[in-house]
Structure formats: structure tokens, C-alpha cells
């Protein structure tokens, strides 16, 4: 099956995680809500997020998170599935994601019942 994109998805190795790049990725409220949603609902397809944003805007936010190492994406048919790289992040930066999720819980809109399929 042919790839959905012209170029391969870039995922940094855990040993190459850059804390500053990760923190920059997490400063945006939309990206933070994506991370919060993935913590609650791992394996969510891109179509399951923020219906109020255009696909191109969401794509950019997913790319920033992916290239920082916060999420992993893979294609399943015509869907792009997203997972939080919590285990890898916890190995490199213990407790970081838990702390971010705890601190922002009252600032982020909880995941809704968007289509996950």
C-alpha cells in the first residue's frame, strides 16, 4: 500500500528527545488539548479531534508534536492513528507528562465523544 504522504513520518528516537523542543510543543493550547485527549483515549485517529479546526491546521499541530517526540503516528488504511509516547518520555524525562497533564487539567477541554473510528 502506498504511503499517504510524499515524505515519511519523522519520529525522533527517545535518546534524541530535546526537552526544550518538547516544552515548546506543549505550550500551544491546541497541542496541549491533543496530548490531554491522547492520554485519555490512546490510538485516536486524526478525525477524532477538534472538528472546529481545519484539517491543515490540525496536521501542523500533529507534526509539531510528532517531530518533538511527544506523539507517534502511523497509517492504518486511510486513517492516521495517534498515540502518546508516554512510556518513552517517562524513561527520558520521568514524570514530565504526568506533571503537564496534572497542571493543565483545568485549562484543557476534556475529550468529547468525537468519532474515533
PDB file of N, CA and C in Angstrom:
ATOM      1  N   UNK A   1       0.834  -1.175   0.000  1.00  0.00           N
ATOM      2  CA  UNK A   1       0.000   0.000   0.000  1.00  0.00           C
ATOM      3  C   UNK A   1       0.884   1.246   0.000  1.00  0.00           C
ATOM      4  N   UNK A   2       0.525   2.194  -0.804  1.00  0.00           N
ATOM      5  CA  UNK A   2       1.300   3.433  -0.902  1.00  0.00           C
ATOM      6  C   UNK A   2       1.088   4.297   0.328  1.00  0.00           C
ATOM      7  N   UNK A   3       2.103   5.060   0.656  1.00  0.00           N
ATOM      8  CA  UNK A   3       2.036   5.965   1.798  1.00  0.00           C
ATOM      9  C   UNK A   3       1.066   7.103   1.511  1.00  0.00           C
ATOM     10  N   UNK A   4       0.468   7.650   2.564  1.00  0.00           N
ATOM     11  CA  UNK A   4      -0.449   8.785   2.424  1.00  0.00           C
ATOM     12  C   UNK A   4       0.294  10.066   2.131  1.00  0.00           C
ATOM     13  N   UNK A   5       1.560  10.114   2.496  1.00  0.00           N
ATOM     14  CA  UNK A   5       2.317  11.342   2.350  1.00  0.00           C
ATOM     15  C   UNK A   5       3.486  11.129   1.397  1.00  0.00           C
ATOM     16  N   UNK A   6       3.966  12.232   0.844  1.00  0.00           N
ATOM     17  CA  UNK A   6       5.099  12.165  -0.067  1.00  0.00           C
ATOM     18  C   UNK A   6       6.390  11.864   0.685  1.00  0.00           C
ATOM     19  N   UNK A   7       6.476  12.302   1.925  1.00  0.00           N
ATOM     20  CA  UNK A   7       7.677  12.048   2.715  1.00  0.00           C
ATOM     21  C   UNK A   7       7.305  11.213   3.943  1.00  0.00           C
ATOM     22  N   UNK A   8       8.250  10.441   4.445  1.00  0.00           N
ATOM     23  CA  UNK A   8       7.945   9.590   5.609  1.00  0.00           C
ATOM     24  C   UNK A   8       7.717  10.411   6.875  1.00  0.00           C
ATOM     25  N   UNK A   9       6.986   9.827   7.795  1.00  0.00           N
ATOM     26  CA  UNK A   9       6.746  10.474   9.081  1.00  0.00           C
ATOM     27  C   UNK A   9       8.035  10.432   9.889  1.00  0.00           C
ATOM     28  N   UNK A  10       8.399  11.560  10.494  1.00  0.00           N
ATOM     29  CA  UNK A  10       9.625  11.670  11.282  1.00  0.00           C
ATOM     30  C   UNK A  10       9.287  11.508  12.766  1.00  0.00           C
ATOM     31  N   UNK A  11       9.917  10.516  13.391  1.00  0.00           N
ATOM     32  CA  UNK A  11       9.770  10.288  14.826  1.00  0.00           C
ATOM     33  C   UNK A  11      11.171  10.213  15.428  1.00  0.00           C
ATOM     34  N   UNK A  12      11.539  11.149  16.290  1.00  0.00           N
ATOM     35  CA  UNK A  12      12.872  11.074  16.886  1.00  0.00           C
ATOM     36  C   UNK A  12      12.991   9.874  17.824  1.00  0.00           C
ATOM     37  N   UNK A  13      14.189   9.335  17.924  1.00  0.00           N
ATOM     38  CA  UNK A  13      14.461   8.281  18.892  1.00  0.00           C
ATOM     39  C   UNK A  13      14.425   8.893  20.290  1.00  0.00           C
ATOM     40  N   UNK A  14      14.088   8.085  21.280  1.00  0.00           N
ATOM     41  CA  UNK A  14      13.960   8.577  22.651  1.00  0.00           C
ATOM     42  C   UNK A  14      15.238   9.245  23.147  1.00  0.00           C
ATOM     43  N   UNK A  15      16.396   8.714  22.772  1.00  0.00           N
ATOM     44  CA  UNK A  15      17.654   9.315  23.234  1.00  0.00           C
ATOM     45  C   UNK A  15      17.898  10.679  22.591  1.00  0.00           C
ATOM     46  N   UNK A  16      17.157  11.008  21.535  1.00  0.00           N
ATOM     47  CA  UNK A  16      17.305  12.297  20.862  1.00  0.00           C
ATOM     48  C   UNK A  16      16.256  13.323  21.286  1.00  0.00           C
ATOM     49  N   UNK A  17      15.399  12.967  22.246  1.00  0.00           N
ATOM     50  CA  UNK A  17      14.401  13.914  22.720  1.00  0.00           C
ATOM     51  C   UNK A  17      15.097  15.162  23.253  1.00  0.00           C
ATOM     52  N   UNK A  18      14.543  16.312  22.895  1.00  0.00           N
ATOM     53  CA  UNK A  18      15.067  17.598  23.338  1.00  0.00           C
ATOM     54  C   UNK A  18      14.000  18.230  24.236  1.00  0.00           C
ATOM     55  N   UNK A  19      14.318  18.409  25.508  1.00  0.00           N
ATOM     56  CA  UNK A  19      13.343  18.920  26.469  1.00  0.00           C
ATOM     57  C   UNK A  19      12.782  20.273  26.051  1.00  0.00           C
ATOM     58  N   UNK A  20      13.632  21.145  25.523  1.00  0.00           N
ATOM     59  CA  UNK A  20      13.166  22.479  25.110  1.00  0.00           C
ATOM     60  C   UNK A  20      12.178  22.358  23.954  1.00  0.00           C
ATOM     61  N   UNK A  21      12.457  21.492  22.991  1.00  0.00           N
ATOM     62  CA  UNK A  21      11.549  21.286  21.852  1.00  0.00           C
ATOM     63  C   UNK A  21      10.217  20.694  22.329  1.00  0.00           C
ATOM     64  N   UNK A  22      10.281  19.781  23.270  1.00  0.00           N
ATOM     65  CA  UNK A  22       9.062  19.183  23.820  1.00  0.00           C
ATOM     66  C   UNK A  22       8.235  20.239  24.545  1.00  0.00           C
ATOM     67  N   UNK A  23       8.890  21.047  25.371  1.00  0.00           N
ATOM     68  CA  UNK A  23       8.168  22.073  26.119  1.00  0.00           C
ATOM     69  C   UNK A  23       7.567  23.122  25.181  1.00  0.00           C
ATOM     70  N   UNK A  24       8.286  23.482  24.124  1.00  0.00           N
ATOM     71  CA  UNK A  24       7.719  24.422  23.138  1.00  0.00           C
ATOM     72  C   UNK A  24       6.472  23.832  22.485  1.00  0.00           C
ATOM     73  N   UNK A  25       6.534  22.541  22.160  1.00  0.00           N
ATOM     74  CA  UNK A  25       5.384  21.880  21.536  1.00  0.00           C
ATOM     75  C   UNK A  25       4.183  21.888  22.477  1.00  0.00           C
ATOM     76  N   UNK A  26       4.447  21.807  23.775  1.00  0.00           N
ATOM     77  CA  UNK A  26       3.361  21.729  24.748  1.00  0.00           C
ATOM     78  C   UNK A  26       2.833  23.086  25.199  1.00  0.00           C
ATOM     79  N   UNK A  27       3.423  24.178  24.728  1.00  0.00           N
ATOM     80  CA  UNK A  27       2.942  25.496  25.144  1.00  0.00           C
ATOM     81  C   UNK A  27       1.688  25.941  24.403  1.00  0.00           C
ATOM     82  N   UNK A  28       1.417  25.355  23.260  1.00  0.00           N
ATOM     83  CA  UNK A  28       0.244  25.740  22.483  1.00  0.00           C
ATOM     84  C   UNK A  28      -1.004  25.060  23.058  1.00  0.00           C
ATOM     85  N   UNK A  29      -2.074  25.798  23.301  1.00  0.00           N
ATOM     86  CA  UNK A  29      -3.285  25.208  23.892  1.00  0.00           C
ATOM     87  C   UNK A  29      -3.910  24.096  23.048  1.00  0.00           C
ATOM     88  N   UNK A  30      -3.863  24.222  21.737  1.00  0.00           N
ATOM     89  CA  UNK A  30      -4.434  23.176  20.881  1.00  0.00           C
ATOM     90  C   UNK A  30      -3.609  21.903  21.000  1.00  0.00           C
ATOM     91  N   UNK A  31      -2.291  22.033  20.933  1.00  0.00           N
ATOM     92  CA  UNK A  31      -1.432  20.852  21.060  1.00  0.00           C
ATOM     93  C   UNK A  31      -1.563  20.234  22.446  1.00  0.00           C
ATOM     94  N   UNK A  32      -1.688  21.069  23.448  1.00  0.00           N
ATOM     95  CA  UNK A  32      -1.875  20.563  24.802  1.00  0.00           C
ATOM     96  C   UNK A  32      -3.184  19.777  24.903  1.00  0.00           C
ATOM     97  N   UNK A  33      -4.226  20.257  24.254  1.00  0.00           N
ATOM     98  CA  UNK A  33      -5.508  19.533  24.276  1.00  0.00           C
ATOM     99  C   UNK A  33      -5.397  18.212  23.514  1.00  0.00           C
ATOM    100  N   UNK A  34      -4.580  18.162  22.464  1.00  0.00           N
ATOM    101  CA  UNK A  34      -4.345  16.909  21.733  1.00  0.00           C
ATOM    102  C   UNK A  34      -3.668  15.901  22.662  1.00  0.00           C
ATOM    103  N   UNK A  35      -2.650  16.337  23.386  1.00  0.00           N
ATOM    104  CA  UNK A  35      -1.934  15.461  24.316  1.00  0.00           C
ATOM    105  C   UNK A  35      -2.873  14.987  25.422  1.00  0.00           C
ATOM    106  N   UNK A  36      -3.659  15.892  25.961  1.00  0.00           N
ATOM    107  CA  UNK A  36      -4.622  15.564  27.013  1.00  0.00           C
ATOM    108  C   UNK A  36      -5.618  14.519  26.501  1.00  0.00           C
ATOM    109  N   UNK A  37      -6.094  14.700  25.282  1.00  0.00           N
ATOM    110  CA  UNK A  37      -7.038  13.762  24.678  1.00  0.00           C
ATOM    111  C   UNK A  37      -6.391  12.398  24.477  1.00  0.00           C
ATOM    112  N   UNK A  38      -5.152  12.369  23.967  1.00  0.00           N
ATOM    113  CA  UNK A  38      -4.479  11.096  23.735  1.00  0.00           C
ATOM    114  C   UNK A  38      -4.151  10.369  25.033  1.00  0.00           C
ATOM    115  N   UNK A  39      -3.944  11.105  26.104  1.00  0.00           N
ATOM    116  CA  UNK A  39      -3.709  10.461  27.395  1.00  0.00           C
ATOM    117  C   UNK A  39      -4.960   9.706  27.840  1.00  0.00           C
ATOM    118  N   UNK A  40      -6.123  10.253  27.521  1.00  0.00           N
ATOM    119  CA  UNK A  40      -7.389   9.629  27.901  1.00  0.00           C
ATOM    120  C   UNK A  40      -7.858   8.592  26.886  1.00  0.00           C
ATOM    121  N   UNK A  41      -7.515   8.801  25.613  1.00  0.00           N
ATOM    122  CA  UNK A  41      -8.009   7.933  24.537  1.00  0.00           C
ATOM    123  C   UNK A  41      -6.879   7.603  23.564  1.00  0.00           C
ATOM    124  N   UNK A  42      -5.970   6.701  23.938  1.00  0.00           N
ATOM    125  CA  UNK A  42      -4.849   6.361  23.057  1.00  0.00           C
ATOM    126  C   UNK A  42      -5.332   5.712  21.762  1.00  0.00           C
ATOM    127  N   UNK A  43      -4.569   5.925  20.703  1.00  0.00           N
ATOM    128  CA  UNK A  43      -4.894   5.309  19.423  1.00  0.00           C
ATOM    129  C   UNK A  43      -6.004   5.996  18.668  1.00  0.00           C
ATOM    130  N   UNK A  44      -6.215   7.263  18.929  1.00  0.00           N
ATOM    131  CA  UNK A  44      -7.287   8.018  18.292  1.00  0.00           C
ATOM    132  C   UNK A  44      -6.847   8.492  16.907  1.00  0.00           C
ATOM    133  N   UNK A  45      -7.708   8.306  15.936  1.00  0.00           N
ATOM    134  CA  UNK A  45      -7.419   8.774  14.581  1.00  0.00           C
ATOM    135  C   UNK A  45      -7.545  10.290  14.523  1.00  0.00           C
ATOM    136  N   UNK A  46      -6.886  10.886  13.561  1.00  0.00           N
ATOM    137  CA  UNK A  46      -6.911  12.348  13.414  1.00  0.00           C
ATOM    138  C   UNK A  46      -8.335  12.885  13.308  1.00  0.00           C
ATOM    139  N   UNK A  47      -9.225  12.116  12.698  1.00  0.00           N
ATOM    140  CA  UNK A  47     -10.607  12.575  12.525  1.00  0.00           C
ATOM    141  C   UNK A  47     -11.362  12.666  13.846  1.00  0.00           C
ATOM    142  N   UNK A  48     -10.806  12.132  14.925  1.00  0.00           N
ATOM    143  CA  UNK A  48     -11.459  12.168  16.220  1.00  0.00           C
ATOM    144  C   UNK A  48     -11.168  13.415  17.029  1.00  0.00           C
ATOM    145  N   UNK A  49     -10.443  14.374  16.443  1.00  0.00           N
ATOM    146  CA  UNK A  49     -10.043  15.582  17.159  1.00  0.00           C
ATOM    147  C   UNK A  49     -10.772  16.797  16.636  1.00  0.00           C
ATOM    148  N   UNK A  50     -10.927  17.772  17.452  1.00  0.00           N
ATOM    149  CA  UNK A  50     -11.345  19.149  17.188  1.00  0.00           C
ATOM    150  C   UNK A  50     -11.986  19.384  15.819  1.00  0.00           C
ATOM    151  N   UNK A  51     -13.251  19.151  15.732  1.00  0.00           N
ATOM    152  CA  UNK A  51     -13.976  19.358  14.484  1.00  0.00           C
ATOM    153  C   UNK A  51     -14.081  20.836  14.123  1.00  0.00           C
ATOM    154  N   UNK A  52     -13.734  21.725  15.049  1.00  0.00           N
ATOM    155  CA  UNK A  52     -13.804  23.164  14.793  1.00  0.00           C
ATOM    156  C   UNK A  52     -12.561  23.689  14.073  1.00  0.00           C
ATOM    157  N   UNK A  53     -11.564  22.837  13.848  1.00  0.00           N
ATOM    158  CA  UNK A  53     -10.330  23.248  13.156  1.00  0.00           C
ATOM    159  C   UNK A  53     -10.244  22.580  11.798  1.00  0.00           C
ATOM    160  N   UNK A  54      -9.620  23.261  10.856  1.00  0.00           N
ATOM    161  CA  UNK A  54      -9.454  22.668   9.523  1.00  0.00           C
ATOM    162  C   UNK A  54      -8.419  21.555   9.586  1.00  0.00           C
ATOM    163  N   UNK A  55      -8.499  20.584   8.683  1.00  0.00           N
ATOM    164  CA  UNK A  55      -7.513  19.504   8.662  1.00  0.00           C
ATOM    165  C   UNK A  55      -6.073  20.001   8.534  1.00  0.00           C
ATOM    166  N   UNK A  56      -5.858  21.068   7.767  1.00  0.00           N
ATOM    167  CA  UNK A  56      -4.491  21.561   7.595  1.00  0.00           C
ATOM    168  C   UNK A  56      -3.930  22.142   8.894  1.00  0.00           C
ATOM    169  N   UNK A  57      -4.771  22.792   9.683  1.00  0.00           N
ATOM    170  CA  UNK A  57      -4.328  23.330  10.964  1.00  0.00           C
ATOM    171  C   UNK A  57      -3.991  22.185  11.915  1.00  0.00           C
ATOM    172  N   UNK A  58      -4.862  21.186  11.977  1.00  0.00           N
ATOM    173  CA  UNK A  58      -4.586  20.030  12.832  1.00  0.00           C
ATOM    174  C   UNK A  58      -3.320  19.303  12.386  1.00  0.00           C
ATOM    175  N   UNK A  59      -3.126  19.162  11.094  1.00  0.00           N
ATOM    176  CA  UNK A  59      -1.938  18.483  10.569  1.00  0.00           C
ATOM    177  C   UNK A  59      -0.675  19.163  11.064  1.00  0.00           C
ATOM    178  N   UNK A  60      -0.657  20.471  11.048  1.00  0.00           N
ATOM    179  CA  UNK A  60       0.523  21.196  11.520  1.00  0.00           C
ATOM    180  C   UNK A  60       0.773  20.931  13.000  1.00  0.00           C
ATOM    181  N   UNK A  61      -0.287  20.945  13.814  1.00  0.00           N
ATOM    182  CA  UNK A  61      -0.127  20.692  15.239  1.00  0.00           C
ATOM    183  C   UNK A  61       0.361  19.262  15.503  1.00  0.00           C
ATOM    184  N   UNK A  62      -0.187  18.297  14.768  1.00  0.00           N
ATOM    185  CA  UNK A  62       0.282  16.912  14.908  1.00  0.00           C
ATOM    186  C   UNK A  62       1.761  16.797  14.522  1.00  0.00           C
ATOM    187  N   UNK A  63       2.161  17.497  13.461  1.00  0.00           N
ATOM    188  CA  UNK A  63       3.556  17.441  13.014  1.00  0.00           C
ATOM    189  C   UNK A  63       4.498  17.975  14.080  1.00  0.00           C
ATOM    190  N   UNK A  64       4.149  19.101  14.698  1.00  0.00           N
ATOM    191  CA  UNK A  64       4.985  19.682  15.751  1.00  0.00           C
ATOM    192  C   UNK A  64       5.133  18.695  16.914  1.00  0.00           C
ATOM    193  N   UNK A  65       4.031  18.090  17.327  1.00  0.00           N
ATOM    194  CA  UNK A  65       4.086  17.117  18.420  1.00  0.00           C
ATOM    195  C   UNK A  65       4.890  15.882  18.038  1.00  0.00           C
ATOM    196  N   UNK A  66       4.700  15.405  16.822  1.00  0.00           N
ATOM    197  CA  UNK A  66       5.424  14.214  16.349  1.00  0.00           C
ATOM    198  C   UNK A  66       6.916  14.480  16.259  1.00  0.00           C
ATOM    199  N   UNK A  67       7.304  15.607  15.676  1.00  0.00           N
ATOM    200  CA  UNK A  67       8.719  15.911  15.495  1.00  0.00           C
ATOM    201  C   UNK A  67       9.418  16.224  16.818  1.00  0.00           C
ATOM    202  N   UNK A  68       8.661  16.634  17.838  1.00  0.00           N
ATOM    203  CA  UNK A  68       9.230  16.846  19.166  1.00  0.00           C
ATOM    204  C   UNK A  68       9.366  15.519  19.916  1.00  0.00           C
ATOM    205  N   UNK A  69       8.657  14.496  19.451  1.00  0.00           N
ATOM    206  CA  UNK A  69       8.710  13.191  20.101  1.00  0.00           C
ATOM    207  C   UNK A  69       7.587  12.942  21.079  1.00  0.00           C
ATOM    208  N   UNK A  70       6.608  13.823  21.122  1.00  0.00           N
ATOM    209  CA  UNK A  70       5.512  13.698  22.089  1.00  0.00           C
ATOM    210  C   UNK A  70       4.504  12.639  21.651  1.00  0.00           C
ATOM    211  N   UNK A  71       4.250  12.544  20.350  1.00  0.00           N
ATOM    212  CA  UNK A  71       3.305  11.550  19.845  1.00  0.00           C
ATOM    213  C   UNK A  71       3.973  10.692  18.775  1.00  0.00           C
ATOM    214  N   UNK A  72       3.349   9.553  18.523  1.00  0.00           N
ATOM    215  CA  UNK A  72       3.739   8.691  17.412  1.00  0.00           C
ATOM    216  C   UNK A  72       2.513   8.554  16.515  1.00  0.00           C
ATOM    217  N   UNK A  73       2.746   8.607  15.206  1.00  0.00           N
ATOM    218  CA  UNK A  73       1.656   8.445  14.244  1.00  0.00           C
ATOM    219  C   UNK A  73       1.984   7.294  13.305  1.00  0.00           C
ATOM    220  N   UNK A  74       0.943   6.573  12.906  1.00  0.00           N
ATOM    221  CA  UNK A  74       1.097   5.563  11.867  1.00  0.00           C
ATOM    222  C   UNK A  74      -0.211   5.469  11.084  1.00  0.00           C
ATOM    223  N   UNK A  75      -0.083   5.031   9.859  1.00  0.00           N
ATOM    224  CA  UNK A  75      -1.250   4.939   8.990  1.00  0.00           C
ATOM    225  C   UNK A  75      -1.864   3.552   9.074  1.00  0.00           C
ATOM    226  N   UNK A  76      -3.185   3.530   9.165  1.00  0.00           N
ATOM    227  CA  UNK A  76      -3.971   2.300   9.087  1.00  0.00           C
ATOM    228  C   UNK A  76      -5.033   2.535   8.024  1.00  0.00           C
ATOM    229  N   UNK A  77      -4.803   1.997   6.852  1.00  0.00           N
ATOM    230  CA  UNK A  77      -5.715   2.271   5.744  1.00  0.00           C
ATOM    231  C   UNK A  77      -5.674   3.744   5.403  1.00  0.00           C
ATOM    232  N   UNK A  78      -6.840   4.390   5.417  1.00  0.00           N
ATOM    233  CA  UNK A  78      -6.874   5.825   5.102  1.00  0.00           C
ATOM    234  C   UNK A  78      -6.930   6.693   6.361  1.00  0.00           C
ATOM    235  N   UNK A  79      -6.642   6.105   7.524  1.00  0.00           N
ATOM    236  CA  UNK A  79      -6.644   6.845   8.784  1.00  0.00           C
ATOM    237  C   UNK A  79      -5.222   6.980   9.309  1.00  0.00           C
ATOM    238  N   UNK A  80      -4.956   8.074   9.949  1.00  0.00           N
ATOM    239  CA  UNK A  80      -3.684   8.270  10.647  1.00  0.00           C
ATOM    240  C   UNK A  80      -3.979   8.178  12.140  1.00  0.00           C
ATOM    241  N   UNK A  81      -3.357   7.208  12.785  1.00  0.00           N
ATOM    242  CA  UNK A  81      -3.599   6.919  14.193  1.00  0.00           C
ATOM    243  C   UNK A  81      -2.503   7.556  15.039  1.00  0.00           C
ATOM    244  N   UNK A  82      -2.902   8.127  16.157  1.00  0.00           N
ATOM    245  CA  UNK A  82      -2.001   8.874  17.036  1.00  0.00           C
ATOM    246  C   UNK A  82      -1.933   8.222  18.411  1.00  0.00           C
ATOM    247  N   UNK A  83      -0.718   8.142  18.958  1.00  0.00           N
ATOM    248  CA  UNK A  83      -0.531   7.658  20.321  1.00  0.00           C
ATOM    249  C   UNK A  83       0.466   8.564  21.029  1.00  0.00           C
ATOM    250  N   UNK A  84       0.258   8.732  22.308  1.00  0.00           N
ATOM    251  CA  UNK A  84       1.159   9.498  23.149  1.00  0.00           C
ATOM    252  C   UNK A  84       2.363   8.613  23.475  1.00  0.00           C
ATOM    253  N   UNK A  85       3.566   9.149  23.362  1.00  0.00           N
ATOM    254  CA  UNK A  85       4.786   8.378  23.624  1.00  0.00           C
ATOM    255  C   UNK A  85       5.161   8.481  25.114  1.00  0.00           C
ATOM    256  N   UNK A  86       4.176   8.285  25.969  1.00  0.00           N
ATOM    257  CA  UNK A  86       4.345   8.488  27.401  1.00  0.00           C
ATOM    258  C   UNK A  86       5.438   7.617  27.996  1.00  0.00           C
ATOM    259  N   UNK A  87       5.449   6.350  27.666  1.00  0.00           N
ATOM    260  CA  UNK A  87       6.446   5.445  28.234  1.00  0.00           C
ATOM    261  C   UNK A  87       7.867   5.883  27.878  1.00  0.00           C
ATOM    262  N   UNK A  88       8.070   6.240  26.609  1.00  0.00           N
ATOM    263  CA  UNK A  88       9.394   6.695  26.169  1.00  0.00           C
ATOM    264  C   UNK A  88       9.762   8.035  26.814  1.00  0.00           C
ATOM    265  N   UNK A  89       8.777   8.922  26.916  1.00  0.00           N
ATOM    266  CA  UNK A  89       9.026  10.219  27.550  1.00  0.00           C
ATOM    267  C   UNK A  89       9.333  10.045  29.039  1.00  0.00           C
ATOM    268  N   UNK A  90       8.619   9.117  29.694  1.00  0.00           N
ATOM    269  CA  UNK A  90       8.869   8.865  31.115  1.00  0.00           C
ATOM    270  C   UNK A  90      10.260   8.281  31.343  1.00  0.00           C
ATOM    271  N   UNK A  91      10.747   7.492  30.409  1.00  0.00           N
ATOM    272  CA  UNK A  91      12.092   6.938  30.534  1.00  0.00           C
ATOM    273  C   UNK A  91      13.133   8.049  30.455  1.00  0.00           C
ATOM    274  N   UNK A  92      12.939   8.967  29.513  1.00  0.00           N
ATOM    275  CA  UNK A  92      13.915  10.055  29.291  1.00  0.00           C
ATOM    276  C   UNK A  92      13.744  11.198  30.288  1.00  0.00           C
ATOM    277  N   UNK A  93      12.475  11.567  30.549  1.00  0.00           N
ATOM    278  CA  UNK A  93      12.153  12.670  31.461  1.00  0.00           C
ATOM    279  C   UNK A  93      11.081  12.183  32.438  1.00  0.00           C
ATOM    280  N   UNK A  94      11.475  11.462  33.491  1.00  0.00           N
ATOM    281  CA  UNK A  94      10.499  10.851  34.409  1.00  0.00           C
ATOM    282  C   UNK A  94       9.490  11.858  34.975  1.00  0.00           C
ATOM    283  N   UNK A  95       8.211  11.500  34.824  1.00  0.00           N
ATOM    284  CA  UNK A  95       7.133  12.300  35.405  1.00  0.00           C
ATOM    285  C   UNK A  95       6.729  13.537  34.628  1.00  0.00           C
ATOM    286  N   UNK A  96       7.406  13.845  33.536  1.00  0.00           N
ATOM    287  CA  UNK A  96       7.125  15.083  32.792  1.00  0.00           C
ATOM    288  C   UNK A  96       5.683  15.134  32.302  1.00  0.00           C
ATOM    289  N   UNK A  97       5.255  14.114  31.591  1.00  0.00           N
ATOM    290  CA  UNK A  97       3.901  14.138  31.011  1.00  0.00           C
ATOM    291  C   UNK A  97       2.846  14.127  32.112  1.00  0.00           C
ATOM    292  N   UNK A  98       3.060  13.334  33.159  1.00  0.00           N
ATOM    293  CA  UNK A  98       2.098  13.335  34.278  1.00  0.00           C
ATOM    294  C   UNK A  98       1.974  14.723  34.885  1.00  0.00           C
ATOM    295  N   UNK A  99       3.107  15.394  35.063  1.00  0.00           N
ATOM    296  CA  UNK A  99       3.088  16.734  35.644  1.00  0.00           C
ATOM    297  C   UNK A  99       2.365  17.715  34.721  1.00  0.00           C
ATOM    298  N   UNK A 100       2.637  17.656  33.431  1.00  0.00           N
ATOM    299  CA  UNK A 100       1.985  18.543  32.461  1.00  0.00           C
ATOM    300  C   UNK A 100       0.478  18.296  32.472  1.00  0.00           C
ATOM    301  N   UNK A 101       0.072  17.036  32.440  1.00  0.00           N
ATOM    302  CA  UNK A 101      -1.356  16.708  32.423  1.00  0.00           C
ATOM    303  C   UNK A 101      -2.036  17.167  33.712  1.00  0.00           C
ATOM    304  N   UNK A 102      -1.377  16.979  34.821  1.00  0.00           N
ATOM    305  CA  UNK A 102      -1.938  17.389  36.113  1.00  0.00           C
ATOM    306  C   UNK A 102      -2.071  18.910  36.200  1.00  0.00           C
ATOM    307  N   UNK A 103      -1.053  19.628  35.777  1.00  0.00           N
ATOM    308  CA  UNK A 103      -1.044  21.086  35.871  1.00  0.00           C
ATOM    309  C   UNK A 103      -2.036  21.747  34.922  1.00  0.00           C
ATOM    310  N   UNK A 104      -2.304  21.104  33.787  1.00  0.00           N
ATOM    311  CA  UNK A 104      -3.174  21.752  32.796  1.00  0.00           C
ATOM    312  C   UNK A 104      -4.585  21.195  32.797  1.00  0.00           C
ATOM    313  N   UNK A 105      -4.890  20.286  33.689  1.00  0.00           N
ATOM    314  CA  UNK A 105      -6.203  19.630  33.678  1.00  0.00           C
ATOM    315  C   UNK A 105      -7.367  20.615  33.705  1.00  0.00           C
ATOM    316  N   UNK A 106      -7.231  21.717  34.419  1.00  0.00           N
ATOM    317  CA  UNK A 106      -8.335  22.674  34.499  1.00  0.00           C
ATOM    318  C   UNK A 106      -8.329  23.679  33.346  1.00  0.00           C
ATOM    319  N   UNK A 107      -7.290  23.656  32.509  1.00  0.00           N
ATOM    320  CA  UNK A 107      -7.182  24.599  31.391  1.00  0.00           C
ATOM    321  C   UNK A 107      -7.564  23.995  30.051  1.00  0.00           C
ATOM    322  N   UNK A 108      -7.682  22.674  30.008  1.00  0.00           N
ATOM    323  CA  UNK A 108      -7.906  21.968  28.749  1.00  0.00           C
ATOM    324  C   UNK A 108      -9.323  21.434  28.713  1.00  0.00           C
ATOM    325  N   UNK A 109      -9.952  21.562  27.551  1.00  0.00           N
ATOM    326  CA  UNK A 109     -11.276  20.988  27.363  1.00  0.00           C
ATOM    327  C   UNK A 109     -11.137  19.476  27.299  1.00  0.00           C
ATOM    328  N   UNK A 110     -11.849  18.736  28.147  1.00  0.00           N
ATOM    329  CA  UNK A 110     -11.741  17.289  28.131  1.00  0.00           C
ATOM    330  C   UNK A 110     -12.203  16.713  26.806  1.00  0.00           C
ATOM    331  N   UNK A 111     -11.689  15.523  26.441  1.00  0.00           N
ATOM    332  CA  UNK A 111     -12.076  14.921  25.181  1.00  0.00           C
ATOM    333  C   UNK A 111     -13.581  14.691  25.125  1.00  0.00           C
ATOM    334  N   UNK A 112     -14.137  14.956  23.950  1.00  0.00           N
ATOM    335  CA  UNK A 112     -15.568  14.745  23.758  1.00  0.00           C
ATOM    336  C   UNK A 112     -15.844  13.378  23.190  1.00  0.00           C
ATOM    337  N   UNK A 113     -17.017  13.221  22.631  1.00  0.00           N
ATOM    338  CA  UNK A 113     -17.400  11.935  22.057  1.00  0.00           C
ATOM    339  C   UNK A 113     -17.252  11.962  20.546  1.00  0.00           C
ATOM    340  N   UNK A 114     -16.179  12.556  20.063  1.00  0.00           N
ATOM    341  CA  UNK A 114     -15.945  12.626  18.617  1.00  0.00           C
ATOM    342  C   UNK A 114     -15.738  11.223  18.068  1.00  0.00           C
ATOM    343  N   UNK A 115     -15.945  11.085  16.786  1.00  0.00           N
ATOM    344  CA  UNK A 115     -15.784   9.798  16.118  1.00  0.00           C
ATOM    345  C   UNK A 115     -14.341   9.322  16.231  1.00  0.00           C
ATOM    346  N   UNK A 116     -14.142   8.159  16.807  1.00  0.00           N
ATOM    347  CA  UNK A 116     -12.803   7.607  16.992  1.00  0.00           C
ATOM    348  C   UNK A 116     -12.436   6.637  15.887  1.00  0.00           C
ATOM    349  N   UNK A 117     -13.352   6.256  15.084  1.00  0.00           N
ATOM    350  CA  UNK A 117     -13.093   5.208  14.089  1.00  0.00           C
ATOM    351  C   UNK A 117     -12.440   5.676  12.850  1.00  0.00           C
TER     352      UNK A 117
END
